[in-house]
Protein backbone atom coordinates (compact mmCIF):
# COMPACT_ATOMS: atom_id res chain seq x y z
CA MET A 1 25.85 25.27 38.66
CA GLU A 2 23.59 22.94 40.63
CA VAL A 3 24.81 21.87 44.03
CA ILE A 4 24.09 18.14 44.25
CA SER A 5 25.27 17.57 47.82
CA ASN A 6 27.53 19.20 50.34
CA MET A 7 26.43 16.74 53.02
CA ILE A 8 28.54 13.87 51.71
CA LYS A 9 32.31 13.74 52.02
CA SER A 10 34.49 11.35 50.06
CA TYR A 11 38.20 10.53 50.17
CA ALA A 12 40.24 8.58 47.63
CA ALA A 13 43.31 6.46 48.26
CA PHE A 14 45.71 4.61 45.97
CA THR A 15 48.63 2.23 46.31
CA SER A 16 50.93 0.22 44.05
CA GLU A 17 52.30 -1.85 46.95
CA ILE A 18 51.23 -5.40 46.16
CA ASP A 19 53.78 -7.54 48.03
CA ASP A 20 53.76 -6.09 51.53
CA VAL A 21 50.24 -6.24 52.98
CA GLU A 22 51.09 -4.25 56.09
CA LEU A 23 52.75 -1.47 54.09
CA ALA A 24 49.88 -1.28 51.58
CA VAL A 25 47.28 -1.01 54.37
CA SER A 26 49.30 1.67 56.17
CA GLU A 27 49.55 3.71 52.95
CA ILE A 28 45.78 3.53 52.43
CA MET A 29 45.02 4.40 56.05
CA ALA A 30 47.34 7.41 55.92
CA GLN A 31 45.56 8.76 52.85
CA LEU A 32 42.00 8.14 54.08
CA GLU A 33 42.55 9.22 57.70
CA PRO A 34 39.31 7.54 58.85
CA GLU A 35 39.71 8.60 62.49
CA LYS A 36 39.63 12.22 61.38
CA ASN A 37 37.30 12.06 58.36
CA CYS A 38 34.60 9.48 59.08
CA LEU A 39 31.15 10.82 59.88
CA GLN A 40 28.16 8.83 61.21
CA SER A 41 27.66 6.52 58.21
CA THR A 42 30.53 5.30 56.04
CA VAL A 43 31.16 2.80 53.24
CA ALA A 44 33.94 2.25 50.72
CA LEU A 45 34.13 1.33 47.04
CA VAL A 46 37.14 -0.52 45.59
CA ALA A 47 38.55 -0.96 42.07
CA CYS A 48 41.77 -2.92 41.76
CA TYR A 49 44.10 -5.19 39.82
CA HIS A 50 43.08 -8.80 40.41
CA GLU A 51 46.12 -9.74 42.53
CA PHE A 52 45.04 -7.19 45.15
CA ALA A 53 41.75 -9.04 45.48
CA THR A 54 43.46 -12.30 46.34
CA ASN A 55 46.56 -11.35 48.34
CA GLY A 56 44.77 -10.49 51.60
CA ILE A 57 45.14 -6.72 51.52
CA ILE A 58 41.41 -5.98 51.36
CA ALA A 59 40.62 -8.31 54.29
CA GLU A 60 43.29 -6.57 56.41
CA LEU A 61 42.03 -3.18 55.33
CA TYR A 62 38.48 -4.15 56.33
CA LYS A 63 39.73 -5.09 59.81
CA LYS A 64 41.34 -1.67 60.18
CA LEU A 65 38.47 0.39 58.75
CA GLY A 66 35.56 -1.43 60.36
CA PHE A 67 32.98 -0.33 57.79
CA PRO A 68 31.71 -2.09 54.63
CA ILE A 69 33.90 -2.38 51.55
CA ILE A 70 32.60 -3.55 48.18
CA GLY A 71 34.16 -3.51 44.74
CA THR A 72 35.48 -5.37 41.71
CA THR A 73 38.62 -6.18 39.85
CA THR A 74 39.41 -4.12 36.77
CA THR A 75 42.14 -3.56 34.17
CA ALA A 76 43.03 0.08 34.91
CA ILE A 77 42.13 2.56 37.64
CA SER A 78 42.26 6.26 38.36
CA THR A 79 41.67 8.38 41.46
CA ASN A 80 42.68 11.79 42.72
CA ARG A 81 45.72 10.06 44.26
CA GLY A 82 47.05 8.31 41.16
CA PHE A 83 46.32 6.01 38.25
CA GLY A 84 47.68 2.79 36.79
CA GLN A 85 46.99 -0.77 35.69
CA LEU A 86 48.49 -2.96 38.43
CA ASP A 87 47.24 -0.96 41.37
CA PHE A 88 44.61 -0.60 44.10
CA SER A 89 42.14 2.24 44.62
CA ILE A 90 39.47 2.89 47.22
CA LEU A 91 36.88 5.63 47.68
CA MET A 92 35.63 6.22 51.23
CA ILE A 93 32.14 7.80 51.26
CA THR A 94 30.80 9.25 54.52
CA SER A 95 27.95 11.44 55.76
CA ASP A 96 25.93 12.57 58.77
CA GLU A 97 22.77 12.99 56.68
CA VAL A 98 22.85 9.88 54.47
CA VAL A 99 22.47 6.31 55.70
CA PHE A 100 24.78 3.88 53.90
CA THR A 101 24.48 0.13 54.31
CA ALA A 102 25.96 -2.77 52.38
CA ALA A 103 25.30 -6.46 51.79
CA CYS A 104 26.36 -9.23 49.46
CA SER A 105 24.55 -12.18 48.00
CA SER A 106 25.22 -15.85 48.42
CA SER A 107 26.49 -17.71 45.35
CA LEU A 108 24.53 -16.94 42.19
CA LYS A 109 25.35 -20.27 40.53
CA ASP A 110 21.81 -21.60 41.05
CA GLY A 111 19.81 -18.46 40.30
CA LEU A 112 19.32 -14.80 41.18
CA ASP A 113 15.92 -14.30 42.78
CA GLU A 114 16.43 -15.84 46.22
CA PRO A 115 19.99 -14.53 46.74
CA PHE A 116 18.95 -11.02 45.62
CA ALA A 117 15.85 -10.97 47.85
CA ASP A 118 17.91 -11.99 50.88
CA MET A 119 20.72 -9.54 50.05
CA TYR A 120 18.39 -6.56 49.65
CA LYS A 121 16.46 -7.42 52.81
CA ARG A 122 19.70 -7.35 54.81
CA ALA A 123 20.83 -4.13 53.13
CA LEU A 124 17.58 -2.39 54.12
CA ALA A 125 18.30 -2.88 57.82
CA GLY A 126 18.96 0.54 59.33
CA HIS A 127 17.04 2.53 56.73
CA SER A 128 13.93 4.41 57.83
CA GLU A 129 13.32 5.93 54.37
CA THR A 130 13.02 4.53 50.87
CA PRO A 131 16.52 4.19 49.38
CA LYS A 132 17.54 6.63 46.67
CA LEU A 133 20.58 4.81 45.28
CA ILE A 134 22.04 1.33 44.90
CA ILE A 135 25.71 0.98 43.96
CA SER A 136 26.38 -2.47 42.49
CA ALA A 137 29.49 -4.63 42.28
CA ALA A 138 28.41 -7.47 40.00
CA PRO A 139 30.17 -10.67 38.91
CA LEU A 140 30.99 -11.47 35.30
CA MET A 141 29.16 -14.78 34.88
CA LEU A 142 28.76 -15.75 31.25
CA ASN A 143 25.53 -17.67 31.89
CA TYR A 144 23.83 -14.38 32.84
CA ALA A 145 23.19 -11.31 30.74
CA GLY A 146 23.76 -8.05 32.55
CA ASP A 147 20.06 -7.37 32.01
CA HIS A 148 19.28 -10.31 34.31
CA TYR A 149 20.97 -8.51 37.22
CA ILE A 150 19.02 -5.32 36.52
CA GLU A 151 15.70 -7.15 36.36
CA ALA A 152 16.28 -9.27 39.47
CA LEU A 153 17.33 -6.31 41.62
CA ASP A 154 14.47 -4.18 40.28
CA ARG A 155 12.01 -6.84 41.41
CA VAL A 156 13.15 -6.66 45.04
CA SER A 157 13.94 -2.92 45.20
CA CYS A 158 10.93 -1.67 43.20
CA GLY A 159 13.22 0.12 40.79
CA VAL A 160 15.56 2.06 43.09
CA PRO A 161 18.22 3.68 40.84
CA ASN A 162 20.98 1.10 40.36
CA PHE A 163 24.47 2.14 39.26
CA GLY A 164 27.54 -0.04 39.01
CA THR A 165 29.91 -2.34 37.18
CA LEU A 166 30.60 -5.95 36.30
CA ALA A 167 33.96 -7.32 37.40
CA ILE A 168 36.61 -7.73 34.71
CA ASP A 169 40.29 -8.59 34.33
CA ASN A 170 42.84 -8.87 31.55
CA SER A 171 43.22 -12.66 31.45
CA ALA A 172 42.04 -14.92 28.65
CA GLY A 173 38.51 -15.98 29.53
CA TYR A 174 38.30 -13.40 32.34
CA LEU A 175 39.29 -16.06 34.87
CA ASN A 176 40.45 -13.54 37.49
CA SER A 177 37.34 -11.33 37.61
CA TYR A 178 36.33 -11.00 41.27
CA VAL A 179 33.76 -9.24 43.42
CA VAL A 180 35.03 -8.22 46.85
CA PHE A 181 32.85 -7.68 49.91
CA ASN A 182 34.62 -6.97 53.20
CA ASP A 183 36.85 -10.04 53.64
CA LYS A 184 35.15 -12.09 50.90
CA VAL A 185 36.60 -12.48 47.42
CA GLU A 186 34.46 -14.51 45.01
CA LYS A 187 33.61 -14.85 41.33
CA ASP A 188 29.89 -15.54 41.86
CA ILE A 189 28.63 -13.07 44.49
CA TYR A 190 26.97 -9.67 44.06
CA GLY A 191 27.64 -6.73 46.39
CA ILE A 192 25.56 -3.60 46.94
CA ILE A 193 25.72 -0.31 48.79
CA VAL A 194 22.29 1.15 49.58
CA ALA A 195 21.87 4.86 50.37
CA SER A 196 18.92 6.82 51.78
CA GLY A 197 18.47 10.29 53.20
CA ASN A 198 19.92 13.55 51.88
CA ILE A 199 21.42 12.26 48.64
CA LYS A 200 20.46 13.25 45.08
CA PRO A 201 22.41 11.11 42.63
CA LYS A 202 22.81 12.26 39.04
CA PHE A 203 23.59 9.81 36.23
CA PHE A 204 25.47 10.30 32.98
CA TYR A 205 26.26 7.93 30.14
CA ALA A 206 27.65 8.14 26.61
CA SER A 207 28.60 5.68 23.89
CA PHE A 208 30.17 6.19 20.48
CA SER A 209 29.12 8.82 17.97
CA PRO A 210 26.44 7.95 15.32
CA GLU A 211 28.89 8.22 12.43
CA TYR A 212 30.65 5.10 13.73
CA ILE A 213 27.56 2.92 13.24
CA LEU A 214 27.63 1.03 9.92
CA ALA A 215 24.62 1.44 7.63
CA GLN A 216 24.17 -2.28 6.90
CA THR A 217 21.61 -3.97 9.16
CA ALA A 218 20.89 -7.58 10.08
CA THR A 219 18.27 -9.40 12.16
CA ILE A 220 18.69 -11.76 15.11
CA THR A 221 16.75 -14.82 13.96
CA ARG A 222 17.67 -17.22 16.76
CA ALA A 223 18.79 -16.43 20.30
CA GLU A 224 18.33 -17.58 23.88
CA GLY A 225 18.99 -15.08 26.65
CA ASN A 226 22.47 -13.74 25.99
CA LEU A 227 23.33 -16.55 23.53
CA LEU A 228 23.40 -15.34 19.91
CA LYS A 229 22.75 -18.36 17.67
CA GLU A 230 21.64 -17.16 14.24
CA VAL A 231 21.67 -13.92 12.26
CA ASP A 232 19.62 -13.54 9.07
CA GLY A 233 18.95 -17.28 9.20
CA LEU A 234 22.67 -18.12 9.26
CA PRO A 235 24.65 -19.64 12.14
CA ILE A 236 26.41 -16.80 13.92
CA ILE A 237 29.87 -18.01 12.92
CA LYS A 238 28.80 -18.12 9.23
CA TYR A 239 27.46 -14.57 9.49
CA MET A 240 30.80 -13.50 10.99
CA GLU A 241 32.65 -15.17 8.11
CA ASN A 242 30.48 -13.33 5.57
CA MET A 243 31.32 -10.06 7.32
CA GLY A 244 35.03 -10.81 7.22
CA LEU A 245 35.21 -11.20 11.00
CA ALA A 246 35.90 -14.94 11.04
CA GLU A 247 37.68 -17.50 8.91
CA ASN A 248 37.39 -21.29 8.86
CA GLY A 249 35.13 -21.25 11.89
CA LYS A 250 37.41 -19.05 14.00
CA VAL A 251 36.73 -15.42 14.89
CA CYS A 252 39.30 -12.66 14.62
CA ASP A 253 41.07 -11.38 17.73
CA VAL A 254 39.38 -7.98 17.64
CA LEU A 255 35.82 -9.32 17.67
CA HIS A 256 35.34 -8.64 21.41
CA SER A 257 35.80 -4.93 20.69
CA ILE A 258 33.20 -4.71 17.91
CA PRO A 259 29.93 -3.13 19.10
CA PHE A 260 26.59 -4.67 18.18
CA ILE A 261 24.09 -1.80 17.95
CA LEU A 262 20.59 -3.12 18.61
CA ASP A 263 17.30 -1.36 17.87
CA TYR A 264 14.91 -2.97 20.37
CA ALA A 265 11.31 -3.15 19.13
CA GLY A 266 12.12 -0.76 16.30
CA GLU A 267 12.09 2.16 18.73
CA GLY A 268 15.14 3.77 17.17
CA ILE A 269 16.90 3.89 20.55
CA PRO A 270 20.31 2.22 20.11
CA VAL A 271 21.41 -0.32 22.70
CA SER A 272 24.99 -1.52 22.48
CA ARG A 273 26.17 -5.06 23.19
CA VAL A 274 29.51 -6.87 23.07
CA LEU A 275 30.40 -10.46 22.27
CA LEU A 276 32.31 -11.77 25.29
CA SER A 277 33.07 -15.35 24.33
CA TRP A 278 31.88 -18.48 22.53
CA SER A 279 29.96 -21.47 23.90
CA GLU A 280 30.98 -25.06 23.25
CA ASP A 281 28.11 -25.23 20.75
CA GLY A 282 29.55 -22.37 18.71
CA TYR A 283 27.11 -19.70 19.91
CA GLY A 284 28.13 -16.16 20.74
CA ILE A 285 27.98 -15.30 24.44
CA CYS A 286 26.97 -11.65 24.66
CA GLY A 287 27.08 -9.17 27.52
CA GLY A 288 23.35 -8.50 27.41
CA LEU A 289 20.10 -9.99 26.19
CA MET A 290 19.84 -10.66 22.44
CA GLN A 291 16.15 -10.77 21.56
CA GLU A 292 14.95 -12.62 18.49
CA GLY A 293 13.58 -10.33 15.79
CA THR A 294 15.79 -7.42 16.84
CA LYS A 295 17.58 -5.57 14.06
CA PHE A 296 21.17 -4.50 14.60
CA SER A 297 24.15 -2.87 12.95
CA LEU A 298 27.82 -3.28 13.67
CA GLY A 299 29.80 -0.36 14.99
CA THR A 300 33.44 0.61 14.75
CA TRP A 301 35.70 2.06 17.41
CA ASP A 302 38.00 5.00 16.94
CA LYS A 303 40.47 6.25 19.54
CA SER A 304 39.49 9.87 19.03
CA ASP A 305 35.82 9.03 19.54
CA VAL A 306 36.49 7.09 22.76
CA LEU A 307 38.49 9.96 24.21
CA GLY A 308 36.11 12.55 22.81
CA THR A 309 33.00 11.02 24.42
CA THR A 310 34.86 10.70 27.73
CA GLU A 311 36.09 14.28 27.64
CA ARG A 312 32.71 15.74 26.68
CA THR A 313 30.84 13.72 29.29
CA LEU A 314 33.14 14.59 32.16
CA ALA A 315 33.75 18.20 31.12
CA GLY A 316 30.00 18.81 30.88
CA LEU A 317 29.48 17.18 34.25
CA MET A 318 32.22 19.22 35.92
CA ASN A 319 30.96 22.46 34.38
CA ASN A 320 27.30 22.00 35.26
CA GLU A 321 27.17 19.96 38.47
CA LYS A 322 28.80 20.56 41.83
CA ALA A 323 29.35 17.19 43.46
CA SER A 324 31.51 15.91 46.27
CA THR A 325 31.73 12.39 44.83
CA LEU A 326 32.05 10.92 41.36
CA ILE A 327 32.04 7.22 40.40
CA ILE A 328 33.01 6.46 36.79
CA TYR A 329 33.15 3.24 34.79
CA SER A 330 34.08 2.70 31.14
CA CYS A 331 33.47 -0.47 29.15
CA LEU A 332 36.57 -2.60 28.65
CA ALA A 333 35.78 -2.74 24.92
CA ARG A 334 36.40 1.01 24.69
CA SER A 335 40.00 0.48 25.81
CA TYR A 336 40.68 -1.79 22.82
CA ALA A 337 40.34 1.20 20.49
CA LEU A 338 43.22 2.93 22.26
CA GLY A 339 45.81 0.63 20.70
CA THR A 340 49.22 0.97 22.31
CA GLU A 341 48.02 3.93 24.40
CA LEU A 342 46.04 1.77 26.81
CA MET A 343 46.14 4.37 29.57
CA ALA A 344 44.94 7.30 27.45
CA GLU A 345 41.37 7.31 28.78
CA THR A 346 42.52 6.69 32.36
CA GLU A 347 44.93 9.62 32.16
CA LEU A 348 42.25 11.82 30.58
CA VAL A 349 39.90 11.12 33.50
CA ASN A 350 42.67 12.04 35.93
CA GLU A 351 43.35 15.30 34.09
CA THR A 352 39.67 16.25 33.81
CA VAL A 353 38.25 15.52 37.27
CA LYS A 354 39.78 17.98 39.72
CA GLU A 355 37.13 19.35 42.06
CA CYS A 356 35.72 16.23 43.72
CA ALA A 357 36.83 12.85 45.02
CA TYR A 358 36.43 10.17 42.37
CA ILE A 359 37.16 6.59 41.40
CA PHE A 360 37.41 5.23 37.84
CA GLY A 361 37.76 1.70 36.50
CA TYR A 362 37.02 -0.40 33.44
CA ALA A 363 33.90 -2.56 33.43
CA GLY A 364 32.77 -5.90 32.06
CA GLY A 365 29.35 -4.27 31.65
CA GLU A 366 27.79 -1.05 32.91
CA LEU A 367 24.70 -0.58 35.08
CA CYS A 368 23.29 2.93 34.86
CA PRO A 369 19.81 4.50 34.92
CA VAL A 370 18.86 6.36 31.78
CA LYS A 371 17.08 8.99 33.89
CA ASP A 372 17.60 10.46 37.39
CA THR A 373 14.48 8.67 38.60
CA ALA A 374 13.31 5.28 39.83
CA ASN A 375 12.36 2.54 37.37
CA SER A 376 14.82 3.68 34.71
CA ASN A 377 17.63 1.19 35.30
CA SER A 378 19.41 -0.18 32.26
CA PHE A 379 22.32 -2.42 31.35
CA HIS A 380 24.88 -1.11 28.88
CA ASN A 381 27.95 -2.16 26.91
CA ASN A 382 30.44 0.11 25.16
CA THR A 383 29.55 3.10 27.34
CA ILE A 384 31.18 5.40 29.83
CA ILE A 385 28.90 5.95 32.81
CA ALA A 386 29.11 8.25 35.80
CA CYS A 387 27.23 8.79 39.05
CA ALA A 388 27.64 12.13 40.85
CA PHE A 389 26.38 13.11 44.29
């Protein structure tokens, strides 16, 4: 078993107290014990139900802790301290041999490049070495593909490994998906933690099994960024009707959970995408870039496969790596396959991860390197991803 790091200590906390800010903060402080446990450099990562992002608890917690907090809203969470859907979780990460800093962008409504360059410049303050890890808390903005975030941050960081999640919530239209940074709560900012020093992050990701990819293929014949306009020369809604996934110009309710399996450049390496919403022009708004000329197949979800990929990924990680800290995100689309057992994957994570501090939440999109090296960052849908250190 490889020892990834014994120089980083992490502590998880959890609360269901949503009405009493003072009580919620006191519960979190009692679990984290920052006066006793904080080392020289400390940051915290949050995953929470959306009402926790807007009721003032995080701002009060930031005042008490005095170190950076970043995170996102989600639809279900799990930590060593508990799991649930309408709750708040936080992971405090601290070390004497790793430098942690954090920063957030200005509004991304008018573009990514300038806000990302300024954010990363501020995050680099205090680092004397090249960073080894970026942890991202990204907004769910339907005018951007998740790939756009990866590319923009790669340009300013020169490909530092970038791991993280897009905010999500359970409302129609994802109207309550927030990024939190210290005392800020916004729908259009991007937060990062940057780490340098004695840290060796390991990355893991898994999607569905090959037998759940349908044999029939189609070609994207018209697209713009993450807008899917035509498939096989047909308007996207007509293609959906032909596939039995839409009727009279309206898509079925389960469409958001159907994976699009893309074969970029005919390389035979599957990339999964989800359809998040529809534009006013009747185009499909996808989670990632949809390149013209790309062939794809549709996939199907099965509860046993969702739980099986999660169990195999985490069991293999726990058996072969010795880490003090584990950050896990699973695509929201995976939860749709669980039917009435919406907490099945969340509970499985809680049962499987026993020997290190961890935080788990659902994601509106997953950012995870495909290798444990620089310049291998990738955006994913329909995956479970993990970062261990």
